[in-house]
Amino acid sequence: MSAEIITMLGGFATLLASGGTFAMFMFRLFLRLESRVDRLEGKVDDLAREVSEMRGEIRGRFAAQPAAG
């Protein structure tokens, strides 16, 4: 093999390795972002549940009071 072919093969191998490394980095970043979105979604669901419970308690307390008049 000539030196030019070996150099080209080495360049292609380097390009392939760097592309694979970048793909793995992006995949890990996507997984991390997805887990953060899942945690945020859980927090929002918990907050919605708390607000709903508070709304029920407020309705119960105001409904139990006699009307002023």
PDB file of N, CA and C in Angstrom:
ATOM      1  N   MET A   1       0.843  -1.178   0.000  1.00  0.00           N
ATOM      2  CA  MET A   1       0.000   0.000   0.000  1.00  0.00           C
ATOM      3  C   MET A   1       0.884   1.236   0.000  1.00  0.00           C
ATOM      4  N   SER A   2       0.394   2.221  -0.662  1.00  0.00           N
ATOM      5  CA  SER A   2       1.173   3.449  -0.704  1.00  0.00           C
ATOM      6  C   SER A   2       0.899   4.291   0.543  1.00  0.00           C
ATOM      7  N   ALA A   3       1.757   5.226   0.783  1.00  0.00           N
ATOM      8  CA  ALA A   3       1.649   6.082   1.963  1.00  0.00           C
ATOM      9  C   ALA A   3       0.378   6.920   1.924  1.00  0.00           C
ATOM     10  N   GLU A   4      -0.063   7.327   0.727  1.00  0.00           N
ATOM     11  CA  GLU A   4      -1.274   8.131   0.614  1.00  0.00           C
ATOM     12  C   GLU A   4      -2.513   7.348   1.047  1.00  0.00           C
ATOM     13  N   ILE A   5      -2.583   6.087   0.661  1.00  0.00           N
ATOM     14  CA  ILE A   5      -3.739   5.249   1.025  1.00  0.00           C
ATOM     15  C   ILE A   5      -3.759   5.017   2.527  1.00  0.00           C
ATOM     16  N   ILE A   6      -2.614   4.747   3.109  1.00  0.00           N
ATOM     17  CA  ILE A   6      -2.547   4.540   4.562  1.00  0.00           C
ATOM     18  C   ILE A   6      -2.958   5.817   5.296  1.00  0.00           C
ATOM     19  N   THR A   7      -2.524   6.951   4.798  1.00  0.00           N
ATOM     20  CA  THR A   7      -2.902   8.228   5.410  1.00  0.00           C
ATOM     21  C   THR A   7      -4.406   8.460   5.300  1.00  0.00           C
ATOM     22  N   MET A   8      -4.975   8.169   4.142  1.00  0.00           N
ATOM     23  CA  MET A   8      -6.421   8.332   3.969  1.00  0.00           C
ATOM     24  C   MET A   8      -7.198   7.399   4.882  1.00  0.00           C
ATOM     25  N   LEU A   9      -6.773   6.151   4.990  1.00  0.00           N
ATOM     26  CA  LEU A   9      -7.445   5.203   5.883  1.00  0.00           C
ATOM     27  C   LEU A   9      -7.344   5.667   7.338  1.00  0.00           C
ATOM     28  N   GLY A  10      -6.201   6.184   7.716  1.00  0.00           N
ATOM     29  CA  GLY A  10      -6.048   6.709   9.072  1.00  0.00           C
ATOM     30  C   GLY A  10      -6.950   7.904   9.318  1.00  0.00           C
ATOM     31  N   GLY A  11      -7.067   8.764   8.326  1.00  0.00           N
ATOM     32  CA  GLY A  11      -7.960   9.918   8.455  1.00  0.00           C
ATOM     33  C   GLY A  11      -9.411   9.503   8.573  1.00  0.00           C
ATOM     34  N   PHE A  12      -9.829   8.520   7.767  1.00  0.00           N
ATOM     35  CA  PHE A  12     -11.205   8.029   7.850  1.00  0.00           C
ATOM     36  C   PHE A  12     -11.473   7.355   9.192  1.00  0.00           C
ATOM     37  N   ALA A  13     -10.485   6.611   9.692  1.00  0.00           N
ATOM     38  CA  ALA A  13     -10.648   5.958  10.994  1.00  0.00           C
ATOM     39  C   ALA A  13     -10.776   7.009  12.101  1.00  0.00           C
ATOM     40  N   THR A  14      -9.983   8.058  12.024  1.00  0.00           N
ATOM     41  CA  THR A  14     -10.060   9.140  13.014  1.00  0.00           C
ATOM     42  C   THR A  14     -11.411   9.842  12.941  1.00  0.00           C
ATOM     43  N   LEU A  15     -11.869  10.114  11.730  1.00  0.00           N
ATOM     44  CA  LEU A  15     -13.161  10.759  11.551  1.00  0.00           C
ATOM     45  C   LEU A  15     -14.290   9.887  12.088  1.00  0.00           C
ATOM     46  N   LEU A  16     -14.228   8.598  11.829  1.00  0.00           N
ATOM     47  CA  LEU A  16     -15.242   7.664  12.317  1.00  0.00           C
ATOM     48  C   LEU A  16     -15.231   7.595  13.845  1.00  0.00           C
ATOM     49  N   ALA A  17     -14.042   7.550  14.432  1.00  0.00           N
ATOM     50  CA  ALA A  17     -13.940   7.482  15.895  1.00  0.00           C
ATOM     51  C   ALA A  17     -14.460   8.756  16.540  1.00  0.00           C
ATOM     52  N   SER A  18     -14.120   9.912  15.966  1.00  0.00           N
ATOM     53  CA  SER A  18     -14.610  11.159  16.554  1.00  0.00           C
ATOM     54  C   SER A  18     -16.125  11.289  16.389  1.00  0.00           C
ATOM     55  N   GLY A  19     -16.663  10.838  15.271  1.00  0.00           N
ATOM     56  CA  GLY A  19     -18.119  10.847  15.086  1.00  0.00           C
ATOM     57  C   GLY A  19     -18.814   9.931  16.069  1.00  0.00           C
ATOM     58  N   GLY A  20     -18.234   8.770  16.322  1.00  0.00           N
ATOM     59  CA  GLY A  20     -18.804   7.840  17.311  1.00  0.00           C
ATOM     60  C   GLY A  20     -18.765   8.414  18.709  1.00  0.00           C
ATOM     61  N   THR A  21     -17.668   9.077  19.039  1.00  0.00           N
ATOM     62  CA  THR A  21     -17.543   9.704  20.354  1.00  0.00           C
ATOM     63  C   THR A  21     -18.582  10.803  20.529  1.00  0.00           C
ATOM     64  N   PHE A  22     -18.763  11.609  19.501  1.00  0.00           N
ATOM     65  CA  PHE A  22     -19.769  12.667  19.561  1.00  0.00           C
ATOM     66  C   PHE A  22     -21.173  12.078  19.699  1.00  0.00           C
ATOM     67  N   ALA A  23     -21.446  11.002  18.978  1.00  0.00           N
ATOM     68  CA  ALA A  23     -22.761  10.362  19.067  1.00  0.00           C
ATOM     69  C   ALA A  23     -23.013   9.823  20.476  1.00  0.00           C
ATOM     70  N   MET A  24     -22.002   9.221  21.078  1.00  0.00           N
ATOM     71  CA  MET A  24     -22.162   8.714  22.445  1.00  0.00           C
ATOM     72  C   MET A  24     -22.393   9.864  23.435  1.00  0.00           C
ATOM     73  N   PHE A  25     -21.662  10.969  23.246  1.00  0.00           N
ATOM     74  CA  PHE A  25     -21.843  12.138  24.103  1.00  0.00           C
ATOM     75  C   PHE A  25     -23.266  12.677  23.999  1.00  0.00           C
ATOM     76  N   MET A  26     -23.769  12.804  22.788  1.00  0.00           N
ATOM     77  CA  MET A  26     -25.124  13.327  22.583  1.00  0.00           C
ATOM     78  C   MET A  26     -26.168  12.376  23.162  1.00  0.00           C
ATOM     79  N   PHE A  27     -25.940  11.081  23.030  1.00  0.00           N
ATOM     80  CA  PHE A  27     -26.880  10.099  23.575  1.00  0.00           C
ATOM     81  C   PHE A  27     -26.941  10.208  25.098  1.00  0.00           C
ATOM     82  N   ARG A  28     -25.766  10.313  25.740  1.00  0.00           N
ATOM     83  CA  ARG A  28     -25.752  10.458  27.202  1.00  0.00           C
ATOM     84  C   ARG A  28     -26.407  11.757  27.635  1.00  0.00           C
ATOM     85  N   LEU A  29     -26.180  12.821  26.880  1.00  0.00           N
ATOM     86  CA  LEU A  29     -26.798  14.104  27.193  1.00  0.00           C
ATOM     87  C   LEU A  29     -28.316  14.021  27.063  1.00  0.00           C
ATOM     88  N   PHE A  30     -28.785  13.332  26.031  1.00  0.00           N
ATOM     89  CA  PHE A  30     -30.224  13.145  25.846  1.00  0.00           C
ATOM     90  C   PHE A  30     -30.827  12.351  26.999  1.00  0.00           C
ATOM     91  N   LEU A  31     -30.154  11.290  27.433  1.00  0.00           N
ATOM     92  CA  LEU A  31     -30.669  10.495  28.550  1.00  0.00           C
ATOM     93  C   LEU A  31     -30.731  11.314  29.831  1.00  0.00           C
ATOM     94  N   ARG A  32     -29.707  12.136  30.051  1.00  0.00           N
ATOM     95  CA  ARG A  32     -29.704  12.969  31.251  1.00  0.00           C
ATOM     96  C   ARG A  32     -30.846  13.979  31.196  1.00  0.00           C
ATOM     97  N   LEU A  33     -31.046  14.586  30.046  1.00  0.00           N
ATOM     98  CA  LEU A  33     -32.135  15.554  29.886  1.00  0.00           C
ATOM     99  C   LEU A  33     -33.489  14.881  30.071  1.00  0.00           C
ATOM    100  N   GLU A  34     -33.625  13.663  29.532  1.00  0.00           N
ATOM    101  CA  GLU A  34     -34.890  12.941  29.671  1.00  0.00           C
ATOM    102  C   GLU A  34     -35.191  12.621  31.128  1.00  0.00           C
ATOM    103  N   SER A  35     -34.166  12.251  31.908  1.00  0.00           N
ATOM    104  CA  SER A  35     -34.395  11.965  33.323  1.00  0.00           C
ATOM    105  C   SER A  35     -34.775  13.237  34.080  1.00  0.00           C
ATOM    106  N   ARG A  36     -34.188  14.376  33.688  1.00  0.00           N
ATOM    107  CA  ARG A  36     -34.559  15.635  34.334  1.00  0.00           C
ATOM    108  C   ARG A  36     -36.000  16.002  34.023  1.00  0.00           C
ATOM    109  N   VAL A  37     -36.434  15.767  32.802  1.00  0.00           N
ATOM    110  CA  VAL A  37     -37.819  16.056  32.422  1.00  0.00           C
ATOM    111  C   VAL A  37     -38.767  15.145  33.209  1.00  0.00           C
ATOM    112  N   ASP A  38     -38.391  13.884  33.383  1.00  0.00           N
ATOM    113  CA  ASP A  38     -39.235  12.961  34.155  1.00  0.00           C
ATOM    114  C   ASP A  38     -39.361  13.416  35.605  1.00  0.00           C
ATOM    115  N   ARG A  39     -38.233  13.854  36.195  1.00  0.00           N
ATOM    116  CA  ARG A  39     -38.291  14.341  37.582  1.00  0.00           C
ATOM    117  C   ARG A  39     -39.141  15.600  37.687  1.00  0.00           C
ATOM    118  N   LEU A  40     -38.989  16.501  36.719  1.00  0.00           N
ATOM    119  CA  LEU A  40     -39.780  17.730  36.724  1.00  0.00           C
ATOM    120  C   LEU A  40     -41.263  17.411  36.569  1.00  0.00           C
ATOM    121  N   GLU A  41     -41.583  16.450  35.718  1.00  0.00           N
ATOM    122  CA  GLU A  41     -42.974  16.055  35.528  1.00  0.00           C
ATOM    123  C   GLU A  41     -43.559  15.497  36.822  1.00  0.00           C
ATOM    124  N   GLY A  42     -42.775  14.730  37.556  1.00  0.00           N
ATOM    125  CA  GLY A  42     -43.238  14.205  38.843  1.00  0.00           C
ATOM    126  C   GLY A  42     -43.494  15.317  39.850  1.00  0.00           C
ATOM    127  N   LYS A  43     -42.605  16.317  39.860  1.00  0.00           N
ATOM    128  CA  LYS A  43     -42.796  17.440  40.779  1.00  0.00           C
ATOM    129  C   LYS A  43     -44.041  18.240  40.433  1.00  0.00           C
ATOM    130  N   VAL A  44     -44.295  18.433  39.146  1.00  0.00           N
ATOM    131  CA  VAL A  44     -45.484  19.164  38.723  1.00  0.00           C
ATOM    132  C   VAL A  44     -46.746  18.385  39.096  1.00  0.00           C
ATOM    133  N   ASP A  45     -46.719  17.076  38.916  1.00  0.00           N
ATOM    134  CA  ASP A  45     -47.870  16.252  39.310  1.00  0.00           C
ATOM    135  C   ASP A  45     -48.122  16.337  40.809  1.00  0.00           C
ATOM    136  N   ASP A  46     -47.043  16.292  41.609  1.00  0.00           N
ATOM    137  CA  ASP A  46     -47.202  16.409  43.060  1.00  0.00           C
ATOM    138  C   ASP A  46     -47.771  17.768  43.445  1.00  0.00           C
ATOM    139  N   LEU A  47     -47.284  18.822  42.790  1.00  0.00           N
ATOM    140  CA  LEU A  47     -47.784  20.163  43.076  1.00  0.00           C
ATOM    141  C   LEU A  47     -49.258  20.283  42.702  1.00  0.00           C
ATOM    142  N   ALA A  48     -49.653  19.720  41.572  1.00  0.00           N
ATOM    143  CA  ALA A  48     -51.058  19.766  41.152  1.00  0.00           C
ATOM    144  C   ALA A  48     -51.940  19.030  42.160  1.00  0.00           C
ATOM    145  N   ARG A  49     -51.450  17.925  42.680  1.00  0.00           N
ATOM    146  CA  ARG A  49     -52.211  17.166  43.679  1.00  0.00           C
ATOM    147  C   ARG A  49     -52.374  17.990  44.957  1.00  0.00           C
ATOM    148  N   GLU A  50     -51.299  18.659  45.384  1.00  0.00           N
ATOM    149  CA  GLU A  50     -51.361  19.490  46.589  1.00  0.00           C
ATOM    150  C   GLU A  50     -52.332  20.658  46.406  1.00  0.00           C
ATOM    151  N   VAL A  51     -52.292  21.299  45.245  1.00  0.00           N
ATOM    152  CA  VAL A  51     -53.203  22.417  44.980  1.00  0.00           C
ATOM    153  C   VAL A  51     -54.647  21.929  44.974  1.00  0.00           C
ATOM    154  N   SER A  52     -54.890  20.770  44.420  1.00  0.00           N
ATOM    155  CA  SER A  52     -56.241  20.219  44.392  1.00  0.00           C
ATOM    156  C   SER A  52     -56.740  19.925  45.806  1.00  0.00           C
ATOM    157  N   GLU A  53     -55.863  19.364  46.637  1.00  0.00           N
ATOM    158  CA  GLU A  53     -56.251  19.098  48.024  1.00  0.00           C
ATOM    159  C   GLU A  53     -56.532  20.400  48.771  1.00  0.00           C
ATOM    160  N   MET A  54     -55.700  21.422  48.547  1.00  0.00           N
ATOM    161  CA  MET A  54     -55.906  22.705  49.208  1.00  0.00           C
ATOM    162  C   MET A  54     -57.225  23.330  48.758  1.00  0.00           C
ATOM    163  N   ARG A  55     -57.521  23.215  47.478  1.00  0.00           N
ATOM    164  CA  ARG A  55     -58.776  23.757  46.961  1.00  0.00           C
ATOM    165  C   ARG A  55     -59.972  23.087  47.643  1.00  0.00           C
ATOM    166  N   GLY A  56     -59.898  21.776  47.805  1.00  0.00           N
ATOM    167  CA  GLY A  56     -60.978  21.060  48.485  1.00  0.00           C
ATOM    168  C   GLY A  56     -61.130  21.483  49.932  1.00  0.00           C
ATOM    169  N   GLU A  57     -59.982  21.680  50.614  1.00  0.00           N
ATOM    170  CA  GLU A  57     -60.050  22.124  52.007  1.00  0.00           C
ATOM    171  C   GLU A  57     -60.650  23.518  52.121  1.00  0.00           C
ATOM    172  N   ILE A  58     -60.258  24.404  51.223  1.00  0.00           N
ATOM    173  CA  ILE A  58     -60.805  25.770  51.261  1.00  0.00           C
ATOM    174  C   ILE A  58     -62.297  25.750  50.988  1.00  0.00           C
ATOM    175  N   ARG A  59     -62.730  24.980  50.019  1.00  0.00           N
ATOM    176  CA  ARG A  59     -64.176  24.882  49.742  1.00  0.00           C
ATOM    177  C   ARG A  59     -64.930  24.334  50.943  1.00  0.00           C
ATOM    178  N   GLY A  60     -64.348  23.327  51.578  1.00  0.00           N
ATOM    179  CA  GLY A  60     -64.995  22.739  52.747  1.00  0.00           C
ATOM    180  C   GLY A  60     -65.120  23.728  53.890  1.00  0.00           C
ATOM    181  N   ARG A  61     -64.108  24.514  54.118  1.00  0.00           N
ATOM    182  CA  ARG A  61     -64.145  25.483  55.220  1.00  0.00           C
ATOM    183  C   ARG A  61     -65.110  26.626  54.933  1.00  0.00           C
ATOM    184  N   PHE A  62     -65.119  27.137  53.710  1.00  0.00           N
ATOM    185  CA  PHE A  62     -66.037  28.231  53.400  1.00  0.00           C
ATOM    186  C   PHE A  62     -67.473  27.744  53.300  1.00  0.00           C
ATOM    187  N   ALA A  63     -67.699  26.531  52.895  1.00  0.00           N
ATOM    188  CA  ALA A  63     -69.062  26.006  52.815  1.00  0.00           C
ATOM    189  C   ALA A  63     -69.641  25.755  54.197  1.00  0.00           C
ATOM    190  N   ALA A  64     -68.780  25.504  55.186  1.00  0.00           N
ATOM    191  CA  ALA A  64     -69.252  25.211  56.541  1.00  0.00           C
ATOM    192  C   ALA A  64     -69.639  26.477  57.308  1.00  0.00           C
ATOM    193  N   GLN A  65     -69.191  27.640  56.848  1.00  0.00           N
ATOM    194  CA  GLN A  65     -69.505  28.885  57.546  1.00  0.00           C
ATOM    195  C   GLN A  65     -70.899  29.378  57.131  1.00  0.00           C
ATOM    196  N   PRO A  66     -71.645  29.940  58.111  1.00  0.00           N
ATOM    197  CA  PRO A  66     -72.954  30.483  57.760  1.00  0.00           C
ATOM    198  C   PRO A  66     -72.798  31.742  56.897  1.00  0.00           C
ATOM    199  N   ALA A  67     -73.756  31.971  56.066  1.00  0.00           N
ATOM    200  CA  ALA A  67     -73.721  33.143  55.171  1.00  0.00           C
ATOM    201  C   ALA A  67     -74.012  34.396  55.986  1.00  0.00           C
ATOM    202  N   ALA A  68     -73.258  35.434  55.745  1.00  0.00           N
ATOM    203  CA  ALA A  68     -73.458  36.698  56.463  1.00  0.00           C
ATOM    204  C   ALA A  68     -74.643  37.443  55.832  1.00  0.00           C
ATOM    205  N   GLY A  69     -75.467  38.031  56.639  1.00  0.00           N
ATOM    206  CA  GLY A  69     -76.574  38.749  56.014  1.00  0.00           C
ATOM    207  C   GLY A  69     -77.530  39.345  56.901  1.00  0.00           C
TER     208      GLY A  69
END
